[in-house]
PDB file of N, CA and C in Angstrom:
ATOM      1  N   MET A   1      -1.245  10.776  14.715  1.00  0.00           N
ATOM      2  CA  MET A   1      -0.773   9.888  13.676  1.00  0.00           C
ATOM      3  C   MET A   1       0.094  10.715  12.729  1.00  0.00           C
ATOM      4  N   SER A   2       1.291  10.247  12.454  1.00  0.00           N
ATOM      5  CA  SER A   2       2.170  10.973  11.543  1.00  0.00           C
ATOM      6  C   SER A   2       1.973  10.493  10.113  1.00  0.00           C
ATOM      7  N   ALA A   3       2.224  11.369   9.178  1.00  0.00           N
ATOM      8  CA  ALA A   3       2.051  11.037   7.764  1.00  0.00           C
ATOM      9  C   ALA A   3       3.391  10.675   7.140  1.00  0.00           C
ATOM     10  N   ASN A   4       3.362   9.810   6.145  1.00  0.00           N
ATOM     11  CA  ASN A   4       4.541   9.470   5.374  1.00  0.00           C
ATOM     12  C   ASN A   4       4.749  10.524   4.297  1.00  0.00           C
ATOM     13  N   LYS A   5       5.906  10.496   3.638  1.00  0.00           N
ATOM     14  CA  LYS A   5       6.161  11.431   2.543  1.00  0.00           C
ATOM     15  C   LYS A   5       5.160  11.180   1.417  1.00  0.00           C
ATOM     16  N   PRO A   6       4.685  12.239   0.735  1.00  0.00           N
ATOM     17  CA  PRO A   6       3.751  12.049  -0.386  1.00  0.00           C
ATOM     18  C   PRO A   6       4.365  11.130  -1.445  1.00  0.00           C
ATOM     19  N   ASN A   7       3.560  10.219  -1.952  1.00  0.00           N
ATOM     20  CA  ASN A   7       4.021   9.222  -2.906  1.00  0.00           C
ATOM     21  C   ASN A   7       2.820   8.765  -3.734  1.00  0.00           C
ATOM     22  N   LYS A   8       3.088   8.178  -4.886  1.00  0.00           N
ATOM     23  CA  LYS A   8       2.035   7.601  -5.714  1.00  0.00           C
ATOM     24  C   LYS A   8       2.223   6.096  -5.732  1.00  0.00           C
ATOM     25  N   PRO A   9       1.137   5.331  -5.822  1.00  0.00           N
ATOM     26  CA  PRO A   9       1.274   3.872  -5.778  1.00  0.00           C
ATOM     27  C   PRO A   9       1.842   3.284  -7.067  1.00  0.00           C
ATOM     28  N   LYS A  10       2.619   2.236  -6.902  1.00  0.00           N
ATOM     29  CA  LYS A  10       3.137   1.467  -8.034  1.00  0.00           C
ATOM     30  C   LYS A  10       2.390   0.141  -8.115  1.00  0.00           C
ATOM     31  N   GLN A  11       2.200  -0.500  -6.949  1.00  0.00           N
ATOM     32  CA  GLN A  11       1.466  -1.766  -6.894  1.00  0.00           C
ATOM     33  C   GLN A  11       0.935  -1.984  -5.492  1.00  0.00           C
ATOM     34  N   VAL A  12      -0.081  -2.835  -5.403  1.00  0.00           N
ATOM     35  CA  VAL A  12      -0.656  -3.193  -4.108  1.00  0.00           C
ATOM     36  C   VAL A  12      -0.900  -4.703  -4.079  1.00  0.00           C
ATOM     37  N   SER A  13      -0.681  -5.275  -2.914  1.00  0.00           N
ATOM     38  CA  SER A  13      -0.983  -6.682  -2.667  1.00  0.00           C
ATOM     39  C   SER A  13      -2.011  -6.736  -1.545  1.00  0.00           C
ATOM     40  N   TRP A  14      -3.139  -7.388  -1.794  1.00  0.00           N
ATOM     41  CA  TRP A  14      -4.214  -7.482  -0.797  1.00  0.00           C
ATOM     42  C   TRP A  14      -4.256  -8.881  -0.201  1.00  0.00           C
ATOM     43  N   PHE A  15      -4.518  -8.939   1.109  1.00  0.00           N
ATOM     44  CA  PHE A  15      -4.639 -10.200   1.827  1.00  0.00           C
ATOM     45  C   PHE A  15      -5.833 -10.119   2.762  1.00  0.00           C
ATOM     46  N   ASN A  16      -6.504 -11.240   2.965  1.00  0.00           N
ATOM     47  CA  ASN A  16      -7.592 -11.287   3.933  1.00  0.00           C
ATOM     48  C   ASN A  16      -6.986 -11.460   5.313  1.00  0.00           C
ATOM     49  N   GLY A  17      -7.345 -10.557   6.198  1.00  0.00           N
ATOM     50  CA  GLY A  17      -6.848 -10.593   7.562  1.00  0.00           C
ATOM     51  C   GLY A  17      -7.995 -10.831   8.516  1.00  0.00           C
ATOM     52  N   CYS A  18      -7.696 -10.900   9.747  1.00  0.00           N
ATOM     53  CA  CYS A  18      -8.708 -11.093  10.782  1.00  0.00           C
ATOM     54  C   CYS A  18      -9.553  -9.819  10.873  1.00  0.00           C
ATOM     55  N   GLY A  19     -10.755  -9.855  10.382  1.00  0.00           N
ATOM     56  CA  GLY A  19     -11.646  -8.712  10.463  1.00  0.00           C
ATOM     57  C   GLY A  19     -11.603  -7.784   9.270  1.00  0.00           C
ATOM     58  N   GLY A  20     -10.861  -8.102   8.226  1.00  0.00           N
ATOM     59  CA  GLY A  20     -10.830  -7.223   7.063  1.00  0.00           C
ATOM     60  C   GLY A  20      -9.651  -7.511   6.161  1.00  0.00           C
ATOM     61  N   ARG A  21      -9.476  -6.611   5.183  1.00  0.00           N
ATOM     62  CA  ARG A  21      -8.390  -6.786   4.214  1.00  0.00           C
ATOM     63  C   ARG A  21      -7.169  -5.970   4.635  1.00  0.00           C
ATOM     64  N   ILE A  22      -5.997  -6.545   4.380  1.00  0.00           N
ATOM     65  CA  ILE A  22      -4.726  -5.906   4.667  1.00  0.00           C
ATOM     66  C   ILE A  22      -4.042  -5.630   3.338  1.00  0.00           C
ATOM     67  N   GLY A  23      -3.531  -4.424   3.165  1.00  0.00           N
ATOM     68  CA  GLY A  23      -2.844  -4.062   1.934  1.00  0.00           C
ATOM     69  C   GLY A  23      -1.382  -3.742   2.168  1.00  0.00           C
ATOM     70  N   VAL A  24      -0.546  -4.179   1.240  1.00  0.00           N
ATOM     71  CA  VAL A  24       0.861  -3.809   1.222  1.00  0.00           C
ATOM     72  C   VAL A  24       1.069  -3.011  -0.059  1.00  0.00           C
ATOM     73  N   VAL A  25       1.406  -1.740   0.083  1.00  0.00           N
ATOM     74  CA  VAL A  25       1.498  -0.829  -1.050  1.00  0.00           C
ATOM     75  C   VAL A  25       2.953  -0.449  -1.297  1.00  0.00           C
ATOM     76  N   VAL A  26       3.379  -0.602  -2.548  1.00  0.00           N
ATOM     77  CA  VAL A  26       4.703  -0.159  -2.981  1.00  0.00           C
ATOM     78  C   VAL A  26       4.502   1.142  -3.735  1.00  0.00           C
ATOM     79  N   GLY A  27       5.244   2.170  -3.347  1.00  0.00           N
ATOM     80  CA  GLY A  27       5.153   3.458  -4.017  1.00  0.00           C
ATOM     81  C   GLY A  27       6.151   3.568  -5.153  1.00  0.00           C
ATOM     82  N   LEU A  28       5.998   4.604  -5.959  1.00  0.00           N
ATOM     83  CA  LEU A  28       6.925   4.852  -7.059  1.00  0.00           C
ATOM     84  C   LEU A  28       8.297   5.269  -6.546  1.00  0.00           C
ATOM     85  N   GLU A  29       8.344   5.884  -5.377  1.00  0.00           N
ATOM     86  CA  GLU A  29       9.596   6.366  -4.801  1.00  0.00           C
ATOM     87  C   GLU A  29       9.732   5.852  -3.377  1.00  0.00           C
ATOM     88  N   GLY A  30      10.940   5.908  -2.870  1.00  0.00           N
ATOM     89  CA  GLY A  30      11.161   5.585  -1.466  1.00  0.00           C
ATOM     90  C   GLY A  30      11.847   4.258  -1.233  1.00  0.00           C
ATOM     91  N   GLU A  31      12.260   4.059   0.002  1.00  0.00           N
ATOM     92  CA  GLU A  31      13.013   2.878   0.409  1.00  0.00           C
ATOM     93  C   GLU A  31      12.153   1.852   1.131  1.00  0.00           C
ATOM     94  N   HIS A  32      10.876   2.149   1.326  1.00  0.00           N
ATOM     95  CA  HIS A  32       9.978   1.262   2.056  1.00  0.00           C
ATOM     96  C   HIS A  32       8.678   1.060   1.289  1.00  0.00           C
ATOM     97  N   ALA A  33       8.002  -0.028   1.584  1.00  0.00           N
ATOM     98  CA  ALA A  33       6.610  -0.220   1.206  1.00  0.00           C
ATOM     99  C   ALA A  33       5.809   0.101   2.467  1.00  0.00           C
ATOM    100  N   TYR A  34       4.497   0.094   2.364  1.00  0.00           N
ATOM    101  CA  TYR A  34       3.659   0.426   3.521  1.00  0.00           C
ATOM    102  C   TYR A  34       2.553  -0.594   3.662  1.00  0.00           C
ATOM    103  N   ILE A  35       2.214  -0.916   4.910  1.00  0.00           N
ATOM    104  CA  ILE A  35       1.187  -1.909   5.194  1.00  0.00           C
ATOM    105  C   ILE A  35       0.108  -1.268   6.059  1.00  0.00           C
ATOM    106  N   GLY A  36      -1.143  -1.647   5.787  1.00  0.00           N
ATOM    107  CA  GLY A  36      -2.247  -1.110   6.564  1.00  0.00           C
ATOM    108  C   GLY A  36      -3.544  -1.832   6.247  1.00  0.00           C
ATOM    109  N   ALA A  37      -4.568  -1.498   7.006  1.00  0.00           N
ATOM    110  CA  ALA A  37      -5.881  -2.119   6.843  1.00  0.00           C
ATOM    111  C   ALA A  37      -6.735  -1.306   5.873  1.00  0.00           C
ATOM    112  N   ALA A  38      -7.604  -2.002   5.155  1.00  0.00           N
ATOM    113  CA  ALA A  38      -8.568  -1.355   4.265  1.00  0.00           C
ATOM    114  C   ALA A  38      -9.712  -0.842   5.123  1.00  0.00           C
ATOM    115  N   LEU A  39      -9.831   0.462   5.235  1.00  0.00           N
ATOM    116  CA  LEU A  39     -10.842   1.058   6.103  1.00  0.00           C
ATOM    117  C   LEU A  39     -11.958   1.762   5.348  1.00  0.00           C
ATOM    118  N   CYS A  40     -11.712   2.152   4.108  1.00  0.00           N
ATOM    119  CA  CYS A  40     -12.642   3.009   3.368  1.00  0.00           C
ATOM    120  C   CYS A  40     -13.617   2.239   2.483  1.00  0.00           C
ATOM    121  N   HIS A  41     -13.400   0.951   2.276  1.00  0.00           N
ATOM    122  CA  HIS A  41     -14.251   0.124   1.409  1.00  0.00           C
ATOM    123  C   HIS A  41     -14.258   0.614  -0.038  1.00  0.00           C
ATOM    124  N   ASP A  42     -13.195   1.318  -0.422  1.00  0.00           N
ATOM    125  CA  ASP A  42     -12.964   1.755  -1.796  1.00  0.00           C
ATOM    126  C   ASP A  42     -11.475   1.539  -2.045  1.00  0.00           C
ATOM    127  N   GLU A  43     -11.141   0.676  -3.007  1.00  0.00           N
ATOM    128  CA  GLU A  43      -9.748   0.249  -3.168  1.00  0.00           C
ATOM    129  C   GLU A  43      -8.785   1.420  -3.362  1.00  0.00           C
ATOM    130  N   ASP A  44      -9.106   2.365  -4.226  1.00  0.00           N
ATOM    131  CA  ASP A  44      -8.201   3.486  -4.473  1.00  0.00           C
ATOM    132  C   ASP A  44      -8.042   4.372  -3.235  1.00  0.00           C
ATOM    133  N   SER A  45      -9.118   4.589  -2.501  1.00  0.00           N
ATOM    134  CA  SER A  45      -9.038   5.372  -1.264  1.00  0.00           C
ATOM    135  C   SER A  45      -8.225   4.636  -0.206  1.00  0.00           C
ATOM    136  N   ASP A  46      -8.400   3.316  -0.141  1.00  0.00           N
ATOM    137  CA  ASP A  46      -7.627   2.520   0.816  1.00  0.00           C
ATOM    138  C   ASP A  46      -6.136   2.571   0.498  1.00  0.00           C
ATOM    139  N   VAL A  47      -5.787   2.465  -0.779  1.00  0.00           N
ATOM    140  CA  VAL A  47      -4.384   2.520  -1.189  1.00  0.00           C
ATOM    141  C   VAL A  47      -3.791   3.880  -0.824  1.00  0.00           C
ATOM    142  N   ALA A  48      -4.492   4.956  -1.109  1.00  0.00           N
ATOM    143  CA  ALA A  48      -4.016   6.301  -0.780  1.00  0.00           C
ATOM    144  C   ALA A  48      -3.838   6.458   0.733  1.00  0.00           C
ATOM    145  N   HIS A  49      -4.765   5.913   1.512  1.00  0.00           N
ATOM    146  CA  HIS A  49      -4.683   6.008   2.968  1.00  0.00           C
ATOM    147  C   HIS A  49      -3.483   5.221   3.503  1.00  0.00           C
ATOM    148  N   ILE A  50      -3.254   4.032   2.956  1.00  0.00           N
ATOM    149  CA  ILE A  50      -2.118   3.217   3.402  1.00  0.00           C
ATOM    150  C   ILE A  50      -0.802   3.905   3.046  1.00  0.00           C
ATOM    151  N   LEU A  51      -0.702   4.483   1.849  1.00  0.00           N
ATOM    152  CA  LEU A  51       0.511   5.205   1.473  1.00  0.00           C
ATOM    153  C   LEU A  51       0.760   6.398   2.388  1.00  0.00           C
ATOM    154  N   LYS A  52      -0.307   7.040   2.824  1.00  0.00           N
ATOM    155  CA  LYS A  52      -0.168   8.241   3.647  1.00  0.00           C
ATOM    156  C   LYS A  52       0.089   7.916   5.121  1.00  0.00           C
ATOM    157  N   PHE A  53      -0.588   6.879   5.652  1.00  0.00           N
ATOM    158  CA  PHE A  53      -0.519   6.624   7.087  1.00  0.00           C
ATOM    159  C   PHE A  53      -0.073   5.219   7.471  1.00  0.00           C
ATOM    160  N   GLY A  54       0.218   4.358   6.485  1.00  0.00           N
ATOM    161  CA  GLY A  54       0.569   2.976   6.790  1.00  0.00           C
ATOM    162  C   GLY A  54       1.910   2.835   7.486  1.00  0.00           C
ATOM    163  N   ALA A  55       2.099   1.689   8.097  1.00  0.00           N
ATOM    164  CA  ALA A  55       3.368   1.379   8.761  1.00  0.00           C
ATOM    165  C   ALA A  55       4.395   0.978   7.713  1.00  0.00           C
ATOM    166  N   LYS A  56       5.644   1.333   7.952  1.00  0.00           N
ATOM    167  CA  LYS A  56       6.708   0.977   7.012  1.00  0.00           C
ATOM    168  C   LYS A  56       6.867  -0.537   6.962  1.00  0.00           C
ATOM    169  N   PHE A  57       7.109  -1.035   5.761  1.00  0.00           N
ATOM    170  CA  PHE A  57       7.244  -2.466   5.496  1.00  0.00           C
ATOM    171  C   PHE A  57       8.479  -2.625   4.616  1.00  0.00           C
ATOM    172  N   PRO A  58       9.289  -3.672   4.804  1.00  0.00           N
ATOM    173  CA  PRO A  58      10.502  -3.823   3.996  1.00  0.00           C
ATOM    174  C   PRO A  58      10.186  -3.914   2.497  1.00  0.00           C
ATOM    175  N   LEU A  59      10.816  -3.059   1.710  1.00  0.00           N
ATOM    176  CA  LEU A  59      10.556  -3.005   0.273  1.00  0.00           C
ATOM    177  C   LEU A  59      10.920  -4.314  -0.409  1.00  0.00           C
ATOM    178  N   ALA A  60      12.053  -4.905  -0.034  1.00  0.00           N
ATOM    179  CA  ALA A  60      12.481  -6.157  -0.668  1.00  0.00           C
ATOM    180  C   ALA A  60      11.448  -7.261  -0.457  1.00  0.00           C
ATOM    181  N   ALA A  61      10.856  -7.318   0.716  1.00  0.00           N
ATOM    182  CA  ALA A  61       9.825  -8.325   1.002  1.00  0.00           C
ATOM    183  C   ALA A  61       8.539  -8.026   0.236  1.00  0.00           C
ATOM    184  N   ALA A  62       8.167  -6.760   0.133  1.00  0.00           N
ATOM    185  CA  ALA A  62       6.940  -6.377  -0.579  1.00  0.00           C
ATOM    186  C   ALA A  62       7.026  -6.733  -2.054  1.00  0.00           C
ATOM    187  N   LEU A  63       8.213  -6.631  -2.630  1.00  0.00           N
ATOM    188  CA  LEU A  63       8.373  -6.940  -4.052  1.00  0.00           C
ATOM    189  C   LEU A  63       8.263  -8.434  -4.344  1.00  0.00           C
ATOM    190  N   LEU A  64       8.349  -9.275  -3.324  1.00  0.00           N
ATOM    191  CA  LEU A  64       8.199 -10.722  -3.487  1.00  0.00           C
ATOM    192  C   LEU A  64       6.741 -11.177  -3.395  1.00  0.00           C
ATOM    193  N   LEU A  65       5.851 -10.312  -2.912  1.00  0.00           N
ATOM    194  CA  LEU A  65       4.443 -10.666  -2.731  1.00  0.00           C
ATOM    195  C   LEU A  65       3.710 -10.693  -4.075  1.00  0.00           C
ATOM    196  N   PRO A  66       2.658 -11.508  -4.172  1.00  0.00           N
ATOM    197  CA  PRO A  66       1.856 -11.501  -5.403  1.00  0.00           C
ATOM    198  C   PRO A  66       1.151 -10.145  -5.553  1.00  0.00           C
ATOM    199  N   VAL A  67       1.183  -9.599  -6.754  1.00  0.00           N
ATOM    200  CA  VAL A  67       0.604  -8.275  -7.018  1.00  0.00           C
ATOM    201  C   VAL A  67      -0.885  -8.413  -7.310  1.00  0.00           C
ATOM    202  N   SER A  68      -1.706  -7.703  -6.544  1.00  0.00           N
ATOM    203  CA  SER A  68      -3.150  -7.706  -6.778  1.00  0.00           C
ATOM    204  C   SER A  68      -3.536  -6.672  -7.831  1.00  0.00           C
ATOM    205  N   LYS A  69      -2.819  -5.534  -7.838  1.00  0.00           N
ATOM    206  CA  LYS A  69      -3.112  -4.480  -8.811  1.00  0.00           C
ATOM    207  C   LYS A  69      -1.854  -3.660  -9.037  1.00  0.00           C
ATOM    208  N   SER A  70      -1.562  -3.369 -10.301  1.00  0.00           N
ATOM    209  CA  SER A  70      -0.454  -2.485 -10.664  1.00  0.00           C
ATOM    210  C   SER A  70      -1.032  -1.162 -11.139  1.00  0.00           C
ATOM    211  N   TYR A  71      -0.322  -0.087 -10.856  1.00  0.00           N
ATOM    212  CA  TYR A  71      -0.744   1.244 -11.268  1.00  0.00           C
ATOM    213  C   TYR A  71       0.241   1.778 -12.294  1.00  0.00           C
ATOM    214  N   SER A  72      -0.262   2.466 -13.301  1.00  0.00           N
ATOM    215  CA  SER A  72       0.632   3.109 -14.265  1.00  0.00           C
ATOM    216  C   SER A  72       1.152   4.398 -13.637  1.00  0.00           C
ATOM    217  N   GLU A  73       2.231   4.932 -14.168  1.00  0.00           N
ATOM    218  CA  GLU A  73       2.815   6.153 -13.616  1.00  0.00           C
ATOM    219  C   GLU A  73       1.950   7.377 -13.886  1.00  0.00           C
ATOM    220  N   GLN A  74       0.969   7.270 -14.788  1.00  0.00           N
ATOM    221  CA  GLN A  74       0.117   8.409 -15.127  1.00  0.00           C
ATOM    222  C   GLN A  74      -1.025   8.580 -14.128  1.00  0.00           C
ATOM    223  N   GLU A  75      -1.354   7.553 -13.357  1.00  0.00           N
ATOM    224  CA  GLU A  75      -2.488   7.652 -12.431  1.00  0.00           C
ATOM    225  C   GLU A  75      -2.182   8.554 -11.274  1.00  0.00           C
TER     226      GLU A  75
END
């Protein structure tokens, strides 16, 4: 499994999927958002995992999704 460039989260959108939760994470930097499954059962750990290993997702589409949680730049 390859890793994405290190990034910090800006916002996450959570959705109920078949068998678990799916997250779409927008980072502070970069041209893509990332999508992945919640595997750790801890929201912050799941967000970090999706940013590190998630599949690329179109940034323009991610910005149209309802925001479940926003992160400040200090976190």
